[in-house]
């Protein structure tokens, strides 16, 4: 009869103890795998959080945001974050073509990193349909809408006809030019050469006659009106569209 020699390390270990030991090793292996999987925050997660923040900030109604992926260092590793990543965009005027988004983890240990995002933001803006002269008041036949990247419009832009109604141009414009707020003079609800109703107060009695405005202006503007009956030049103040109150 042959006898097998017991292994020196297990000869004195009972079967239940050996099973418990094997179970502990399996559990330890699983923990190592799990910790390896969540040991860091990958660059892809950081970039995705930053890009989503940009879309939320600039992708309002009527806007189309196009983001150019910015490569990050593939070896970048940050501690795993047990909370949702927080983002913060810098406070600034206008719409930039490039912005640095602060992505942070509020956990322990916490961290913050700046992620650059390059973008284009397209909106429908007013563009001249034909050449316009200084002093012209543009109307529906003079402009149309086109989609433009507003990150390139550093002097601003105009989106609707309501914003130009009653305003004259401060400078001549070629066809195909984006209208900017700086292109417009003050609103004119009375225009030079327009026939207006000239209102005078004579001893508490309101008298109206027609006249021709020699100047233009908004409500409250002082201008001159030629009386249609007498031909006299009357100083007045604009009180409404096509209406001028004669000054005493």
Protein backbone atom coordinates (compact mmCIF):
# COMPACT_ATOMS: atom_id res chain seq x y z
CA UNK A 1 0.00 0.00 0.00
CA UNK A 2 1.38 3.44 -0.98
CA UNK A 3 0.76 6.60 1.05
CA UNK A 4 0.63 10.16 -0.52
CA UNK A 5 2.55 12.69 1.50
CA UNK A 6 0.45 15.70 2.59
CA UNK A 7 1.51 19.17 1.40
CA UNK A 8 3.39 20.83 4.26
CA UNK A 9 1.20 23.95 4.13
CA UNK A 10 -2.16 22.18 4.08
CA UNK A 11 -1.51 19.13 6.15
CA UNK A 12 -2.68 20.85 9.28
CA UNK A 13 -5.54 22.83 7.64
CA UNK A 14 -9.05 21.53 7.84
CA UNK A 15 -11.31 21.34 4.76
CA UNK A 16 -13.70 24.11 5.96
CA UNK A 17 -10.75 26.41 6.61
CA UNK A 18 -9.36 25.75 3.14
CA UNK A 19 -12.73 26.56 1.54
CA UNK A 20 -12.95 29.80 3.52
CA UNK A 21 -9.44 30.73 2.45
CA UNK A 22 -10.24 30.13 -1.21
CA UNK A 23 -13.40 32.27 -0.87
CA UNK A 24 -11.39 35.15 0.57
CA UNK A 25 -8.96 35.02 -2.37
CA UNK A 26 -11.83 35.07 -4.88
CA UNK A 27 -13.42 38.07 -3.13
CA UNK A 28 -10.10 39.90 -3.09
CA UNK A 29 -9.64 39.28 -6.80
CA UNK A 30 -13.08 40.69 -7.55
CA UNK A 31 -12.37 43.79 -5.50
CA UNK A 32 -9.11 44.38 -7.37
CA UNK A 33 -10.91 44.15 -10.74
CA UNK A 34 -13.69 46.50 -9.61
CA UNK A 35 -11.26 49.08 -8.23
CA UNK A 36 -9.23 48.96 -11.42
CA UNK A 37 -12.37 49.71 -13.47
CA UNK A 38 -13.32 52.84 -11.47
CA UNK A 39 -9.86 53.95 -10.41
CA UNK A 40 -9.89 57.09 -12.56
CA UNK A 41 -11.99 59.45 -14.63
CA UNK A 42 -11.16 59.05 -18.33
CA UNK A 43 -10.55 62.02 -20.67
CA UNK A 44 -13.67 61.01 -22.66
CA UNK A 45 -15.85 61.61 -19.59
CA UNK A 46 -14.32 65.02 -18.99
CA UNK A 47 -14.75 66.10 -22.61
CA UNK A 48 -18.35 64.82 -22.73
CA UNK A 49 -19.25 66.79 -19.57
CA UNK A 50 -17.65 69.98 -20.93
CA UNK A 51 -19.34 69.69 -24.34
CA UNK A 52 -22.74 69.08 -22.76
CA UNK A 53 -22.30 72.23 -20.65
CA UNK A 54 -21.53 74.24 -23.80
CA UNK A 55 -24.58 72.89 -25.63
CA UNK A 56 -26.79 73.74 -22.65
CA UNK A 57 -25.39 77.27 -22.41
CA UNK A 58 -25.40 78.24 -26.09
CA UNK A 59 -27.89 75.87 -27.72
CA UNK A 60 -30.98 77.94 -27.01
CA UNK A 61 -34.05 78.18 -29.23
CA UNK A 62 -33.02 78.82 -32.80
CA UNK A 63 -29.34 77.98 -32.26
CA UNK A 64 -27.36 75.14 -33.79
CA UNK A 65 -24.14 74.30 -31.94
CA UNK A 66 -21.30 72.53 -33.74
CA UNK A 67 -18.39 71.38 -31.56
CA UNK A 68 -14.94 70.52 -32.90
CA UNK A 69 -13.50 67.74 -30.70
CA UNK A 70 -10.46 68.90 -28.75
CA UNK A 71 -7.99 66.06 -28.09
CA UNK A 72 -6.94 65.61 -24.48
CA UNK A 73 -3.89 63.82 -23.15
CA UNK A 74 -4.77 60.13 -23.22
CA UNK A 75 -2.60 59.59 -20.14
CA UNK A 76 -4.61 62.11 -18.12
CA UNK A 77 -6.02 60.37 -15.06
CA UNK A 78 -8.01 61.84 -12.20
CA UNK A 79 -9.38 60.14 -9.12
CA UNK A 80 -12.75 58.48 -9.55
CA UNK A 81 -15.69 60.74 -8.71
CA UNK A 82 -18.52 59.19 -6.73
CA UNK A 83 -20.81 62.14 -7.61
CA UNK A 84 -22.00 63.59 -10.91
CA UNK A 85 -19.36 65.82 -12.51
CA UNK A 86 -19.99 69.54 -12.04
CA UNK A 87 -19.34 72.10 -14.80
CA UNK A 88 -18.94 75.87 -14.82
CA UNK A 89 -18.53 78.22 -17.78
CA UNK A 90 -16.82 81.62 -17.47
CA UNK A 91 -19.04 84.69 -17.28
CA UNK A 92 -18.46 86.73 -20.44
CA UNK A 93 -20.32 88.81 -22.99
CA UNK A 94 -21.07 87.56 -26.47
CA UNK A 95 -20.55 84.10 -27.90
CA UNK A 96 -16.89 83.02 -28.14
CA UNK A 97 -15.52 80.44 -30.56
CA UNK A 98 -13.45 78.83 -27.81
CA UNK A 99 -14.22 78.48 -24.13
CA UNK A 100 -12.58 76.72 -21.18
CA UNK A 101 -15.09 74.76 -19.10
CA UNK A 102 -14.24 74.03 -15.47
CA UNK A 103 -15.10 70.37 -14.78
CA UNK A 104 -14.92 69.40 -11.12
CA UNK A 105 -15.62 66.61 -8.68
CA UNK A 106 -17.14 67.52 -5.33
CA UNK A 107 -16.18 64.20 -3.75
CA UNK A 108 -13.26 63.35 -1.54
CA UNK A 109 -10.66 63.92 -2.78
CA UNK A 110 -12.12 66.64 -4.98
CA UNK A 111 -10.51 68.10 -8.09
CA UNK A 112 -11.10 70.67 -10.84
CA UNK A 113 -9.72 70.76 -14.37
CA UNK A 114 -10.15 73.21 -17.27
CA UNK A 115 -11.35 71.55 -20.48
CA UNK A 116 -11.06 73.61 -23.72
CA UNK A 117 -14.03 73.45 -26.11
CA UNK A 118 -13.99 74.88 -29.65
CA UNK A 119 -17.41 75.59 -31.14
CA UNK A 120 -19.55 77.28 -33.75
CA UNK A 121 -23.01 78.63 -32.94
CA UNK A 122 -25.32 79.15 -35.91
CA UNK A 123 -28.39 81.41 -35.82
CA UNK A 124 -30.71 83.04 -38.35
CA UNK A 125 -29.66 86.69 -38.71
CA UNK A 126 -30.70 89.58 -40.98
CA UNK A 127 -28.60 90.10 -44.12
CA UNK A 128 -28.97 92.89 -46.70
CA UNK A 129 -30.61 91.79 -49.95
CA UNK A 130 -29.36 94.80 -51.96
CA UNK A 131 -27.02 97.77 -51.53
CA UNK A 132 -28.42 100.34 -49.08
CA UNK A 133 -27.49 103.99 -48.69
CA UNK A 134 -26.83 105.95 -45.52
CA UNK A 135 -30.14 107.24 -44.18
CA UNK A 136 -32.23 104.45 -45.74
CA UNK A 137 -34.81 102.74 -43.53
CA UNK A 138 -34.59 99.04 -44.36
CA UNK A 139 -37.81 97.08 -44.78
CA UNK A 140 -38.83 93.50 -45.65
CA UNK A 141 -37.80 93.96 -49.30
CA UNK A 142 -34.30 95.08 -48.30
CA UNK A 143 -33.24 92.25 -46.00
CA UNK A 144 -33.59 88.50 -45.54
CA UNK A 145 -32.46 85.88 -43.02
CA UNK A 146 -29.47 83.59 -43.35
CA UNK A 147 -27.83 81.12 -40.98
CA UNK A 148 -24.47 82.48 -39.83
CA UNK A 149 -21.88 81.52 -37.23
CA UNK A 150 -22.41 84.21 -34.59
CA UNK A 151 -19.06 83.43 -32.91
CA UNK A 152 -17.55 85.32 -35.86
CA UNK A 153 -19.87 88.32 -35.49
CA UNK A 154 -17.91 90.28 -32.93
CA UNK A 155 -19.94 93.47 -33.42
CA UNK A 156 -23.28 91.78 -32.84
CA UNK A 157 -26.15 90.95 -35.16
CA UNK A 158 -29.87 91.58 -35.70
CA UNK A 159 -32.40 88.75 -35.80
CA UNK A 160 -35.80 90.30 -36.64
CA UNK A 161 -37.42 93.12 -38.56
CA UNK A 162 -38.85 94.49 -35.31
CA UNK A 163 -35.33 95.50 -34.30
CA UNK A 164 -34.84 97.74 -37.35
CA UNK A 165 -38.34 99.14 -37.87
CA UNK A 166 -38.17 102.93 -37.85
CA UNK A 167 -34.35 103.05 -37.73
CA UNK A 168 -32.30 104.64 -40.50
CA UNK A 169 -28.87 103.39 -41.54
CA UNK A 170 -25.83 105.19 -40.17
CA UNK A 171 -23.64 104.07 -43.09
CA UNK A 172 -24.02 102.55 -46.56
CA UNK A 173 -24.09 98.76 -46.79
CA UNK A 174 -23.36 96.35 -49.62
CA UNK A 175 -25.61 93.40 -50.47
CA UNK A 176 -24.98 90.24 -48.43
CA UNK A 177 -23.81 92.06 -45.29
CA UNK A 178 -24.98 91.01 -41.83
CA UNK A 179 -26.85 93.88 -40.17
CA UNK A 180 -25.21 95.00 -36.91
CA UNK A 181 -26.69 97.17 -34.14
CA UNK A 182 -24.01 99.78 -34.85
CA UNK A 183 -25.31 100.20 -38.41
CA UNK A 184 -28.52 101.83 -37.16
CA UNK A 185 -29.35 105.36 -36.10
CA UNK A 186 -32.05 106.09 -33.54
CA UNK A 187 -35.59 105.02 -34.30
CA UNK A 188 -37.58 107.46 -36.43
CA UNK A 189 -41.35 107.22 -36.19
CA UNK A 190 -41.48 110.50 -38.12
CA UNK A 191 -39.26 110.75 -41.16
CA UNK A 192 -37.98 113.84 -42.96
CA UNK A 193 -40.25 114.63 -45.92
CA UNK A 194 -43.21 112.79 -44.39
CA UNK A 195 -46.64 114.42 -44.23
CA UNK A 196 -47.65 114.77 -40.60
CA UNK A 197 -50.54 116.03 -38.55
CA UNK A 198 -49.50 119.30 -36.90
CA UNK A 199 -51.33 119.83 -33.61
CA UNK A 200 -51.63 123.26 -31.99
CA UNK A 201 -53.33 124.40 -28.77
CA UNK A 202 -55.10 127.74 -29.15
CA UNK A 203 -56.63 128.92 -25.88
CA UNK A 204 -57.50 125.39 -24.86
CA UNK A 205 -58.83 124.43 -28.26
CA UNK A 206 -56.96 121.74 -30.21
CA UNK A 207 -56.40 122.65 -33.84
CA UNK A 208 -55.00 120.22 -36.38
CA UNK A 209 -53.57 120.90 -39.79
CA UNK A 210 -51.31 119.04 -42.17
CA UNK A 211 -47.64 119.80 -42.63
CA UNK A 212 -44.40 118.32 -43.89
CA UNK A 213 -41.70 117.20 -41.48
CA UNK A 214 -38.32 118.71 -42.33
CA UNK A 215 -36.51 116.43 -39.87
CA UNK A 216 -36.96 112.92 -38.51
CA UNK A 217 -37.05 111.56 -35.00
CA UNK A 218 -38.56 109.32 -32.35
CA UNK A 219 -41.19 110.20 -29.76
CA UNK A 220 -40.04 113.28 -27.84
CA UNK A 221 -37.69 114.50 -30.58
CA UNK A 222 -37.77 118.19 -31.52
CA UNK A 223 -38.07 118.90 -35.23
CA UNK A 224 -39.31 121.44 -37.76
CA UNK A 225 -42.54 121.19 -39.72
CA UNK A 226 -43.63 123.31 -42.67
CA UNK A 227 -47.29 124.29 -42.24
CA UNK A 228 -49.21 123.06 -45.28
CA UNK A 229 -51.57 126.06 -45.26
CA UNK A 230 -49.30 128.99 -44.47
CA UNK A 231 -45.93 127.63 -45.47
CA UNK A 232 -44.48 128.77 -42.15
CA UNK A 233 -41.78 126.69 -40.42
CA UNK A 234 -43.09 125.53 -37.05
CA UNK A 235 -40.98 124.04 -34.24
CA UNK A 236 -42.61 120.96 -32.80
CA UNK A 237 -42.15 117.79 -30.79
CA UNK A 238 -43.00 114.27 -31.94
CA UNK A 239 -45.90 112.87 -29.91
CA UNK A 240 -46.66 109.77 -31.97
CA UNK A 241 -46.40 108.17 -35.39
CA UNK A 242 -47.08 110.93 -37.92
CA UNK A 243 -48.06 113.44 -35.20
CA UNK A 244 -46.19 116.58 -34.14
CA UNK A 245 -47.24 118.95 -31.37
CA UNK A 246 -46.49 122.60 -32.22
CA UNK A 247 -44.38 124.33 -29.59
CA UNK A 248 -45.51 127.76 -28.26
